[in-house]
């Protein structure tokens, strides 16, 4: 049976689509089969995949489907559950109407959160919905676990430990809020940093495909291949972290 991962947050712009593309890149590199379901009417993921195919940065083991009908979600998951290794579901921003349906088909709910108060508030609301959902069912064990992932993190904060001085390029408010969010939500240990390679992924397709193009290109491109290799390794770490559910160590502020 497939491992089904649902990405949600009650606010657009938190990084759901970027997480979806990172996980698809990690799964493709691992030679596993994956179905990505795009629930956003804007079809961001479907359009991204069309660009990926046009650019040659795609993988035949990755399939993308789009739907805006809740009943179709159950049917699509059931139909593909035994034919792929992973199913990744990207929901609409502000898509609270999908929440209960999503919880009914996934094994894990992943909530991206940036270092911004609006995202922090929406993440609180999502966690409150999850807590309430566990009270509305016969057994709370029926509800998939919820995992928070910090996204768009400045690289210096990805490496930072709580007992170290504040990095000079980070404001005091951003620094304090980062560790407040860590303490409040106990996120997964793997954060998603801000990287130019992710912007290129948004435009071009899977990280592995871009990395291979750089390796086979001019010398200037070959230098970039190392950066894409690092970004892909980070995506694989993130996927493993979601599966294992490893939270941050106390040294990170959790």
C-alpha atoms as a PDB file:
ATOM      1  CA  UNK A   1       0.000   0.000   0.000  1.00  0.00           C
ATOM      2  CA  UNK A   2       1.125   3.540  -0.709  1.00  0.00           C
ATOM      3  CA  UNK A   3       2.264   5.976   1.956  1.00  0.00           C
ATOM      4  CA  UNK A   4      -0.163   8.894   1.627  1.00  0.00           C
ATOM      5  CA  UNK A   5       1.015  12.360   2.703  1.00  0.00           C
ATOM      6  CA  UNK A   6      -1.301  15.378   2.769  1.00  0.00           C
ATOM      7  CA  UNK A   7       0.012  18.939   2.789  1.00  0.00           C
ATOM      8  CA  UNK A   8      -2.240  21.601   4.254  1.00  0.00           C
ATOM      9  CA  UNK A   9      -2.318  25.005   5.882  1.00  0.00           C
ATOM     10  CA  UNK A  10      -5.241  27.394   6.187  1.00  0.00           C
ATOM     11  CA  UNK A  11      -3.270  30.112   4.457  1.00  0.00           C
ATOM     12  CA  UNK A  12      -1.786  30.360   0.993  1.00  0.00           C
ATOM     13  CA  UNK A  13       1.913  31.063   0.563  1.00  0.00           C
ATOM     14  CA  UNK A  14       3.130  28.883   3.431  1.00  0.00           C
ATOM     15  CA  UNK A  15       5.128  26.615   1.129  1.00  0.00           C
ATOM     16  CA  UNK A  16       2.814  23.656   0.418  1.00  0.00           C
ATOM     17  CA  UNK A  17       3.549  23.584  -3.300  1.00  0.00           C
ATOM     18  CA  UNK A  18       7.302  23.889  -2.748  1.00  0.00           C
ATOM     19  CA  UNK A  19       7.133  20.985  -0.283  1.00  0.00           C
ATOM     20  CA  UNK A  20       5.177  18.951  -2.831  1.00  0.00           C
ATOM     21  CA  UNK A  21       7.828  19.542  -5.493  1.00  0.00           C
ATOM     22  CA  UNK A  22      10.645  18.715  -3.073  1.00  0.00           C
ATOM     23  CA  UNK A  23       9.000  15.448  -2.040  1.00  0.00           C
ATOM     24  CA  UNK A  24       8.318  14.523  -5.664  1.00  0.00           C
ATOM     25  CA  UNK A  25      11.984  15.188  -6.450  1.00  0.00           C
ATOM     26  CA  UNK A  26      13.117  13.009  -3.535  1.00  0.00           C
ATOM     27  CA  UNK A  27      10.786  10.147  -4.485  1.00  0.00           C
ATOM     28  CA  UNK A  28      11.807  10.245  -8.153  1.00  0.00           C
ATOM     29  CA  UNK A  29      15.484  10.059  -7.170  1.00  0.00           C
ATOM     30  CA  UNK A  30      14.764   7.023  -4.987  1.00  0.00           C
ATOM     31  CA  UNK A  31      13.299   5.215  -8.037  1.00  0.00           C
ATOM     32  CA  UNK A  32       9.892   4.884  -6.373  1.00  0.00           C
ATOM     33  CA  UNK A  33       6.517   5.475  -7.991  1.00  0.00           C
ATOM     34  CA  UNK A  34       4.483   8.466  -6.852  1.00  0.00           C
ATOM     35  CA  UNK A  35       1.105  10.002  -7.606  1.00  0.00           C
ATOM     36  CA  UNK A  36       0.752  13.720  -6.873  1.00  0.00           C
ATOM     37  CA  UNK A  37      -2.821  14.955  -6.468  1.00  0.00           C
ATOM     38  CA  UNK A  38      -3.394  18.689  -6.973  1.00  0.00           C
ATOM     39  CA  UNK A  39      -6.529  19.924  -5.184  1.00  0.00           C
ATOM     40  CA  UNK A  40      -5.929  23.614  -5.904  1.00  0.00           C
ATOM     41  CA  UNK A  41      -8.297  25.069  -8.560  1.00  0.00           C
ATOM     42  CA  UNK A  42      -5.328  27.127  -9.782  1.00  0.00           C
ATOM     43  CA  UNK A  43      -3.618  23.801 -10.635  1.00  0.00           C
ATOM     44  CA  UNK A  44      -0.157  25.047  -9.648  1.00  0.00           C
ATOM     45  CA  UNK A  45       1.287  21.536  -9.429  1.00  0.00           C
ATOM     46  CA  UNK A  46      -0.293  20.382 -12.693  1.00  0.00           C
ATOM     47  CA  UNK A  47       1.087  23.449 -14.497  1.00  0.00           C
ATOM     48  CA  UNK A  48       4.496  22.851 -12.903  1.00  0.00           C
ATOM     49  CA  UNK A  49       4.484  19.270 -14.171  1.00  0.00           C
ATOM     50  CA  UNK A  50       3.563  20.430 -17.673  1.00  0.00           C
ATOM     51  CA  UNK A  51       6.607  22.736 -17.587  1.00  0.00           C
ATOM     52  CA  UNK A  52       8.764  19.897 -16.253  1.00  0.00           C
ATOM     53  CA  UNK A  53       7.747  17.638 -19.152  1.00  0.00           C
ATOM     54  CA  UNK A  54       8.373  20.445 -21.646  1.00  0.00           C
ATOM     55  CA  UNK A  55      11.843  21.079 -20.178  1.00  0.00           C
ATOM     56  CA  UNK A  56      12.726  17.389 -19.951  1.00  0.00           C
ATOM     57  CA  UNK A  57      13.063  17.561 -16.145  1.00  0.00           C
ATOM     58  CA  UNK A  58      10.433  14.983 -15.335  1.00  0.00           C
ATOM     59  CA  UNK A  59      10.317  11.292 -14.427  1.00  0.00           C
ATOM     60  CA  UNK A  60       7.894   8.681 -15.761  1.00  0.00           C
ATOM     61  CA  UNK A  61       7.538   7.228 -12.247  1.00  0.00           C
ATOM     62  CA  UNK A  62       5.821  10.459 -11.145  1.00  0.00           C
ATOM     63  CA  UNK A  63       2.183  11.032 -12.133  1.00  0.00           C
ATOM     64  CA  UNK A  64       0.142  14.179 -11.492  1.00  0.00           C
ATOM     65  CA  UNK A  65      -3.652  14.378 -11.276  1.00  0.00           C
ATOM     66  CA  UNK A  66      -5.844  17.381 -10.503  1.00  0.00           C
ATOM     67  CA  UNK A  67      -9.336  17.432  -9.012  1.00  0.00           C
ATOM     68  CA  UNK A  68     -11.552  19.878  -7.139  1.00  0.00           C
ATOM     69  CA  UNK A  69     -14.194  17.332  -6.091  1.00  0.00           C
ATOM     70  CA  UNK A  70     -13.909  15.730  -2.659  1.00  0.00           C
ATOM     71  CA  UNK A  71     -15.499  12.463  -3.793  1.00  0.00           C
ATOM     72  CA  UNK A  72     -12.898  12.141  -6.556  1.00  0.00           C
ATOM     73  CA  UNK A  73     -10.114  12.295  -3.952  1.00  0.00           C
ATOM     74  CA  UNK A  74     -11.267   9.056  -2.311  1.00  0.00           C
ATOM     75  CA  UNK A  75     -11.645   7.354  -5.681  1.00  0.00           C
ATOM     76  CA  UNK A  76      -8.231   8.445  -6.957  1.00  0.00           C
ATOM     77  CA  UNK A  77      -6.453   7.329  -3.782  1.00  0.00           C
ATOM     78  CA  UNK A  78      -8.262   3.978  -3.707  1.00  0.00           C
ATOM     79  CA  UNK A  79      -7.528   3.335  -7.377  1.00  0.00           C
ATOM     80  CA  UNK A  80      -3.786   4.014  -7.031  1.00  0.00           C
ATOM     81  CA  UNK A  81      -3.118   2.762  -3.499  1.00  0.00           C
ATOM     82  CA  UNK A  82      -1.661  -0.553  -4.703  1.00  0.00           C
ATOM     83  CA  UNK A  83       0.066   0.736  -7.849  1.00  0.00           C
ATOM     84  CA  UNK A  84       2.382   3.440  -6.435  1.00  0.00           C
ATOM     85  CA  UNK A  85       4.713   3.732  -3.441  1.00  0.00           C
ATOM     86  CA  UNK A  86       3.701   7.255  -2.418  1.00  0.00           C
ATOM     87  CA  UNK A  87       0.722   9.566  -2.872  1.00  0.00           C
ATOM     88  CA  UNK A  88       1.315  13.262  -2.197  1.00  0.00           C
ATOM     89  CA  UNK A  89      -1.742  15.524  -1.891  1.00  0.00           C
ATOM     90  CA  UNK A  90      -1.320  19.293  -2.271  1.00  0.00           C
ATOM     91  CA  UNK A  91      -4.362  21.225  -1.029  1.00  0.00           C
ATOM     92  CA  UNK A  92      -5.686  24.657  -1.840  1.00  0.00           C
ATOM     93  CA  UNK A  93      -4.523  27.610   0.227  1.00  0.00           C
ATOM     94  CA  UNK A  94      -7.318  28.620   2.592  1.00  0.00           C
ATOM     95  CA  UNK A  95      -8.759  25.173   1.760  1.00  0.00           C
ATOM     96  CA  UNK A  96     -10.334  24.358   5.113  1.00  0.00           C
ATOM     97  CA  UNK A  97     -13.234  22.641   3.344  1.00  0.00           C
ATOM     98  CA  UNK A  98     -10.865  19.848   2.319  1.00  0.00           C
ATOM     99  CA  UNK A  99      -9.542  19.219   5.826  1.00  0.00           C
ATOM    100  CA  UNK A 100     -11.824  16.407   7.017  1.00  0.00           C
ATOM    101  CA  UNK A 101     -11.730  14.681   3.621  1.00  0.00           C
ATOM    102  CA  UNK A 102      -7.932  14.863   3.603  1.00  0.00           C
ATOM    103  CA  UNK A 103      -7.683  13.335   7.080  1.00  0.00           C
ATOM    104  CA  UNK A 104      -9.801  10.434   5.870  1.00  0.00           C
ATOM    105  CA  UNK A 105      -7.318   9.286   3.216  1.00  0.00           C
ATOM    106  CA  UNK A 106      -3.797  10.202   4.396  1.00  0.00           C
ATOM    107  CA  UNK A 107      -1.255   8.569   6.685  1.00  0.00           C
ATOM    108  CA  UNK A 108       0.396  11.859   7.659  1.00  0.00           C
ATOM    109  CA  UNK A 109      -0.661  15.505   7.600  1.00  0.00           C
ATOM    110  CA  UNK A 110       2.206  17.924   6.973  1.00  0.00           C
ATOM    111  CA  UNK A 111       1.715  21.598   7.804  1.00  0.00           C
ATOM    112  CA  UNK A 112       4.293  24.094   6.462  1.00  0.00           C
ATOM    113  CA  UNK A 113       4.869  27.225   8.538  1.00  0.00           C
ATOM    114  CA  UNK A 114       7.011  30.277   7.795  1.00  0.00           C
ATOM    115  CA  UNK A 115       8.452  32.699  10.323  1.00  0.00           C
ATOM    116  CA  UNK A 116       5.514  35.101  10.081  1.00  0.00           C
ATOM    117  CA  UNK A 117       2.653  35.797  12.473  1.00  0.00           C
ATOM    118  CA  UNK A 118      -0.139  35.115   9.923  1.00  0.00           C
ATOM    119  CA  UNK A 119       1.343  31.681   9.185  1.00  0.00           C
ATOM    120  CA  UNK A 120       1.766  31.079  12.891  1.00  0.00           C
ATOM    121  CA  UNK A 121      -1.904  31.890  13.481  1.00  0.00           C
ATOM    122  CA  UNK A 122      -3.071  29.611  10.637  1.00  0.00           C
ATOM    123  CA  UNK A 123      -0.867  26.801  11.928  1.00  0.00           C
ATOM    124  CA  UNK A 124      -2.483  27.175  15.368  1.00  0.00           C
ATOM    125  CA  UNK A 125      -5.895  26.938  13.696  1.00  0.00           C
ATOM    126  CA  UNK A 126      -4.847  23.823  11.788  1.00  0.00           C
ATOM    127  CA  UNK A 127      -3.581  22.160  14.966  1.00  0.00           C
ATOM    128  CA  UNK A 128      -6.817  23.140  16.759  1.00  0.00           C
ATOM    129  CA  UNK A 129      -8.836  21.556  13.919  1.00  0.00           C
ATOM    130  CA  UNK A 130      -6.730  18.397  14.234  1.00  0.00           C
ATOM    131  CA  UNK A 131      -7.264  18.252  18.013  1.00  0.00           C
ATOM    132  CA  UNK A 132     -11.007  18.765  17.534  1.00  0.00           C
ATOM    133  CA  UNK A 133     -11.151  16.075  14.851  1.00  0.00           C
ATOM    134  CA  UNK A 134      -9.667  13.536  17.258  1.00  0.00           C
ATOM    135  CA  UNK A 135     -12.568  14.289  19.634  1.00  0.00           C
ATOM    136  CA  UNK A 136     -15.164  13.732  16.896  1.00  0.00           C
ATOM    137  CA  UNK A 137     -14.201  10.147  16.090  1.00  0.00           C
ATOM    138  CA  UNK A 138     -14.607   6.907  18.006  1.00  0.00           C
ATOM    139  CA  UNK A 139     -10.851   6.536  18.511  1.00  0.00           C
ATOM    140  CA  UNK A 140      -8.184   9.244  18.174  1.00  0.00           C
ATOM    141  CA  UNK A 141      -5.911   6.563  16.690  1.00  0.00           C
ATOM    142  CA  UNK A 142      -8.019   6.796  13.535  1.00  0.00           C
ATOM    143  CA  UNK A 143      -6.645  10.290  12.872  1.00  0.00           C
ATOM    144  CA  UNK A 144      -3.282  10.577  11.101  1.00  0.00           C
ATOM    145  CA  UNK A 145      -0.479  12.410  12.934  1.00  0.00           C
ATOM    146  CA  UNK A 146       0.101  16.085  12.190  1.00  0.00           C
ATOM    147  CA  UNK A 147       3.654  17.296  11.570  1.00  0.00           C
ATOM    148  CA  UNK A 148       4.778  20.922  11.268  1.00  0.00           C
ATOM    149  CA  UNK A 149       7.641  21.776   8.902  1.00  0.00           C
ATOM    150  CA  UNK A 150       9.384  25.153   9.068  1.00  0.00           C
ATOM    151  CA  UNK A 151       9.707  26.608   5.563  1.00  0.00           C
ATOM    152  CA  UNK A 152      11.552  29.506   3.900  1.00  0.00           C
ATOM    153  CA  UNK A 153      14.084  29.468   6.708  1.00  0.00           C
ATOM    154  CA  UNK A 154      17.227  31.601   6.250  1.00  0.00           C
ATOM    155  CA  UNK A 155      20.124  29.135   5.796  1.00  0.00           C
ATOM    156  CA  UNK A 156      21.963  30.563   8.798  1.00  0.00           C
ATOM    157  CA  UNK A 157      18.990  29.636  11.003  1.00  0.00           C
ATOM    158  CA  UNK A 158      18.874  26.085   9.652  1.00  0.00           C
ATOM    159  CA  UNK A 159      22.342  25.552  11.125  1.00  0.00           C
ATOM    160  CA  UNK A 160      21.785  27.618  14.262  1.00  0.00           C
ATOM    161  CA  UNK A 161      21.606  26.193  17.791  1.00  0.00           C
ATOM    162  CA  UNK A 162      19.526  27.907  20.439  1.00  0.00           C
ATOM    163  CA  UNK A 163      22.379  28.496  22.886  1.00  0.00           C
ATOM    164  CA  UNK A 164      24.481  30.321  20.263  1.00  0.00           C
ATOM    165  CA  UNK A 165      24.430  34.115  19.699  1.00  0.00           C
ATOM    166  CA  UNK A 166      21.958  35.590  17.226  1.00  0.00           C
ATOM    167  CA  UNK A 167      23.320  35.703  13.645  1.00  0.00           C
ATOM    168  CA  UNK A 168      24.072  39.295  12.640  1.00  0.00           C
ATOM    169  CA  UNK A 169      21.923  39.151   9.487  1.00  0.00           C
ATOM    170  CA  UNK A 170      18.775  38.130  11.411  1.00  0.00           C
ATOM    171  CA  UNK A 171      16.642  40.710  13.207  1.00  0.00           C
ATOM    172  CA  UNK A 172      16.002  40.231  16.898  1.00  0.00           C
ATOM    173  CA  UNK A 173      12.261  39.863  16.307  1.00  0.00           C
ATOM    174  CA  UNK A 174      12.715  37.213  13.595  1.00  0.00           C
ATOM    175  CA  UNK A 175      15.232  35.384  15.758  1.00  0.00           C
ATOM    176  CA  UNK A 176      12.960  35.348  18.804  1.00  0.00           C
ATOM    177  CA  UNK A 177       9.891  34.378  16.770  1.00  0.00           C
ATOM    178  CA  UNK A 178      11.772  31.479  15.159  1.00  0.00           C
ATOM    179  CA  UNK A 179      12.419  29.880  18.524  1.00  0.00           C
ATOM    180  CA  UNK A 180       8.948  30.742  19.782  1.00  0.00           C
ATOM    181  CA  UNK A 181       7.498  28.821  16.820  1.00  0.00           C
ATOM    182  CA  UNK A 182       9.863  25.914  17.460  1.00  0.00           C
ATOM    183  CA  UNK A 183       8.856  25.775  21.127  1.00  0.00           C
ATOM    184  CA  UNK A 184       5.127  26.061  20.373  1.00  0.00           C
ATOM    185  CA  UNK A 185       4.802  23.607  17.470  1.00  0.00           C
ATOM    186  CA  UNK A 186       7.723  21.168  18.027  1.00  0.00           C
ATOM    187  CA  UNK A 187       8.319  20.879  14.263  1.00  0.00           C
ATOM    188  CA  UNK A 188      10.160  18.173  12.374  1.00  0.00           C
ATOM    189  CA  UNK A 189      13.932  18.362  12.607  1.00  0.00           C
ATOM    190  CA  UNK A 190      14.405  19.018   8.886  1.00  0.00           C
ATOM    191  CA  UNK A 191      13.627  22.603   7.906  1.00  0.00           C
ATOM    192  CA  UNK A 192      13.186  23.922   4.360  1.00  0.00           C
ATOM    193  CA  UNK A 193      15.696  26.713   3.763  1.00  0.00           C
ATOM    194  CA  UNK A 194      15.513  29.528   1.268  1.00  0.00           C
ATOM    195  CA  UNK A 195      17.554  28.344  -1.724  1.00  0.00           C
ATOM    196  CA  UNK A 196      17.818  29.650  -5.301  1.00  0.00           C
ATOM    197  CA  UNK A 197      17.689  26.015  -6.459  1.00  0.00           C
ATOM    198  CA  UNK A 198      14.093  25.792  -5.226  1.00  0.00           C
ATOM    199  CA  UNK A 199      13.112  28.783  -7.355  1.00  0.00           C
ATOM    200  CA  UNK A 200      14.668  27.041 -10.353  1.00  0.00           C
ATOM    201  CA  UNK A 201      12.783  23.864  -9.411  1.00  0.00           C
ATOM    202  CA  UNK A 202       9.537  25.872  -9.510  1.00  0.00           C
ATOM    203  CA  UNK A 203      10.333  26.976 -13.055  1.00  0.00           C
ATOM    204  CA  UNK A 204      12.035  23.926 -14.517  1.00  0.00           C
ATOM    205  CA  UNK A 205      10.865  20.688 -12.854  1.00  0.00           C
ATOM    206  CA  UNK A 206      12.378  17.947 -10.705  1.00  0.00           C
ATOM    207  CA  UNK A 207      15.647  18.713  -8.920  1.00  0.00           C
ATOM    208  CA  UNK A 208      17.244  15.521 -10.196  1.00  0.00           C
ATOM    209  CA  UNK A 209      16.534  16.442 -13.805  1.00  0.00           C
ATOM    210  CA  UNK A 210      18.046  19.907 -13.371  1.00  0.00           C
ATOM    211  CA  UNK A 211      21.069  18.383 -11.605  1.00  0.00           C
ATOM    212  CA  UNK A 212      21.667  15.951 -14.489  1.00  0.00           C
ATOM    213  CA  UNK A 213      21.378  18.761 -17.031  1.00  0.00           C
ATOM    214  CA  UNK A 214      24.011  20.753 -15.137  1.00  0.00           C
ATOM    215  CA  UNK A 215      26.330  17.753 -14.905  1.00  0.00           C
ATOM    216  CA  UNK A 216      26.134  17.250 -18.665  1.00  0.00           C
ATOM    217  CA  UNK A 217      26.407  20.933 -19.565  1.00  0.00           C
ATOM    218  CA  UNK A 218      29.136  23.524 -19.791  1.00  0.00           C
ATOM    219  CA  UNK A 219      31.736  24.008 -17.045  1.00  0.00           C
ATOM    220  CA  UNK A 220      29.701  26.855 -15.583  1.00  0.00           C
ATOM    221  CA  UNK A 221      26.706  24.531 -15.301  1.00  0.00           C
ATOM    222  CA  UNK A 222      28.773  21.712 -13.798  1.00  0.00           C
ATOM    223  CA  UNK A 223      29.668  23.992 -10.899  1.00  0.00           C
ATOM    224  CA  UNK A 224      25.963  24.449 -10.233  1.00  0.00           C
ATOM    225  CA  UNK A 225      25.401  20.682 -10.179  1.00  0.00           C
ATOM    226  CA  UNK A 226      26.875  20.502  -6.674  1.00  0.00           C
ATOM    227  CA  UNK A 227      24.260  22.966  -5.405  1.00  0.00           C
ATOM    228  CA  UNK A 228      21.430  20.918  -6.909  1.00  0.00           C
ATOM    229  CA  UNK A 229      22.944  17.741  -5.494  1.00  0.00           C
ATOM    230  CA  UNK A 230      22.904  19.365  -2.043  1.00  0.00           C
ATOM    231  CA  UNK A 231      19.299  20.562  -2.517  1.00  0.00           C
ATOM    232  CA  UNK A 232      18.218  17.078  -3.588  1.00  0.00           C
ATOM    233  CA  UNK A 233      19.962  15.491  -0.600  1.00  0.00           C
ATOM    234  CA  UNK A 234      18.083  17.906   1.649  1.00  0.00           C
ATOM    235  CA  UNK A 235      14.785  16.929  -0.017  1.00  0.00           C
ATOM    236  CA  UNK A 236      15.555  13.257   0.637  1.00  0.00           C
ATOM    237  CA  UNK A 237      16.329  14.067   4.296  1.00  0.00           C
ATOM    238  CA  UNK A 238      12.980  15.849   4.526  1.00  0.00           C
ATOM    239  CA  UNK A 239      11.093  12.880   3.086  1.00  0.00           C
ATOM    240  CA  UNK A 240      12.816  10.486   5.498  1.00  0.00           C
ATOM    241  CA  UNK A 241      12.083  12.855   8.377  1.00  0.00           C
ATOM    242  CA  UNK A 242       8.365  12.960   7.490  1.00  0.00           C
ATOM    243  CA  UNK A 243       8.221   9.167   7.378  1.00  0.00           C
ATOM    244  CA  UNK A 244      10.109   8.757  10.670  1.00  0.00           C
ATOM    245  CA  UNK A 245       8.469  11.743  12.390  1.00  0.00           C
ATOM    246  CA  UNK A 246      11.676  12.917  14.070  1.00  0.00           C
ATOM    247  CA  UNK A 247      11.139  16.193  15.912  1.00  0.00           C
ATOM    248  CA  UNK A 248      13.729  18.858  16.716  1.00  0.00           C
ATOM    249  CA  UNK A 249      16.331  18.212  19.385  1.00  0.00           C
ATOM    250  CA  UNK A 250      16.372  20.404  22.508  1.00  0.00           C
ATOM    251  CA  UNK A 251      19.475  22.164  21.132  1.00  0.00           C
ATOM    252  CA  UNK A 252      17.266  23.566  18.359  1.00  0.00           C
ATOM    253  CA  UNK A 253      14.918  25.041  20.919  1.00  0.00           C
ATOM    254  CA  UNK A 254      12.192  22.402  21.051  1.00  0.00           C
END
